[in-house]
Amino acid sequence: MVYTFIFMAIPNLVIYFTEINNLGIFLFILRFFMKNGFSMLIPLTSELYPTLIRTTGYGVASSIGRIGAFTSAFIIFPLFYI
């Protein structure tokens, strides 16, 4: 899992220092390693906590994620036109 997170850091650094033309390729690579890292992280952490805490945490995280997705449209689109 450490190697996966290291391989997630490398495309982030490359994206920071390169031009916008290569952005799609490096974002694709970054997304691959992110999905790989979190697919290993979720089963590991789900076995550490009891069911009540896991379901409560999943519900809170899901609701905060949906609230963030809803409000981001009102923030991003005005910024895009600026």
Protein backbone atom coordinates (compact mmCIF):
# COMPACT_ATOMS: atom_id res chain seq x y z
CA MET A 1 0.00 0.00 0.00
CA VAL A 2 2.93 2.32 0.64
CA TYR A 3 4.13 1.80 -2.93
CA THR A 4 0.71 2.69 -4.26
CA PHE A 5 0.66 5.95 -2.31
CA ILE A 6 4.18 6.74 -3.52
CA PHE A 7 3.05 6.11 -7.09
CA MET A 8 0.13 8.46 -6.41
CA ALA A 9 2.55 11.20 -5.35
CA ILE A 10 4.68 10.95 -8.50
CA PRO A 11 1.94 11.93 -11.01
CA ASN A 12 0.88 14.73 -8.66
CA LEU A 13 4.37 16.19 -8.78
CA VAL A 14 4.60 15.73 -12.54
CA ILE A 15 1.23 17.46 -13.01
CA TYR A 16 2.43 20.35 -10.89
CA PHE A 17 5.56 20.93 -12.95
CA THR A 18 4.38 20.17 -16.52
CA GLU A 19 2.31 22.00 -19.08
CA ILE A 20 -1.42 21.67 -19.49
CA ASN A 21 -1.02 19.55 -22.67
CA ASN A 22 0.02 16.46 -20.69
CA LEU A 23 -2.63 16.86 -18.02
CA GLY A 24 -5.02 14.16 -19.26
CA ILE A 25 -2.40 11.43 -19.37
CA PHE A 26 -1.10 12.08 -15.89
CA LEU A 27 -4.60 12.43 -14.44
CA PHE A 28 -5.45 9.04 -15.94
CA ILE A 29 -2.37 7.49 -14.33
CA LEU A 30 -3.14 9.22 -11.03
CA ARG A 31 -6.73 7.98 -11.06
CA PHE A 32 -5.53 4.41 -11.64
CA PHE A 33 -3.25 4.48 -8.61
CA MET A 34 -5.87 6.21 -6.48
CA LYS A 35 -8.44 3.52 -7.23
CA ASN A 36 -5.83 0.86 -6.56
CA GLY A 37 -4.81 2.40 -3.24
CA PHE A 38 -8.32 2.89 -1.95
CA SER A 39 -9.42 -0.57 -3.09
CA MET A 40 -6.76 -1.94 -0.71
CA LEU A 41 -7.49 0.58 2.04
CA ILE A 42 -11.25 0.03 2.33
CA PRO A 43 -11.17 -3.71 3.23
CA LEU A 44 -8.31 -3.08 5.65
CA THR A 45 -10.13 -0.38 7.59
CA SER A 46 -13.53 -2.03 7.47
CA GLU A 47 -12.33 -4.90 9.64
CA LEU A 48 -10.94 -2.66 12.39
CA TYR A 49 -14.21 -1.19 13.67
CA PRO A 50 -17.51 -2.72 14.82
CA THR A 51 -20.54 -2.65 12.54
CA LEU A 52 -22.33 0.22 14.30
CA ILE A 53 -19.37 2.57 13.97
CA ARG A 54 -18.75 1.53 10.35
CA THR A 55 -22.33 2.18 9.26
CA THR A 56 -22.50 5.51 11.07
CA GLY A 57 -19.20 6.61 9.55
CA TYR A 58 -20.25 5.50 6.09
CA GLY A 59 -23.54 7.39 6.37
CA VAL A 60 -21.88 10.59 7.59
CA ALA A 61 -19.17 10.42 4.92
CA SER A 62 -21.73 9.76 2.21
CA SER A 63 -23.92 12.68 3.26
CA ILE A 64 -20.99 15.09 3.49
CA GLY A 65 -19.82 13.96 0.06
CA ARG A 66 -23.25 14.58 -1.44
CA ILE A 67 -23.51 17.99 0.20
CA GLY A 68 -20.06 18.86 -1.17
CA ALA A 69 -21.02 17.68 -4.66
CA PHE A 70 -24.22 19.74 -4.53
CA THR A 71 -22.57 22.95 -3.38
CA SER A 72 -19.51 22.67 -5.60
CA ALA A 73 -21.57 23.53 -8.69
CA PHE A 74 -22.51 26.88 -7.16
CA ILE A 75 -18.85 27.61 -6.41
CA ILE A 76 -17.06 26.22 -9.46
CA PHE A 77 -19.20 27.63 -12.27
CA PRO A 78 -18.91 31.29 -11.18
CA LEU A 79 -15.16 30.80 -10.71
CA PHE A 80 -14.93 29.25 -14.17
CA TYR A 81 -16.37 32.35 -15.80
CA ILE A 82 -14.01 34.65 -13.91
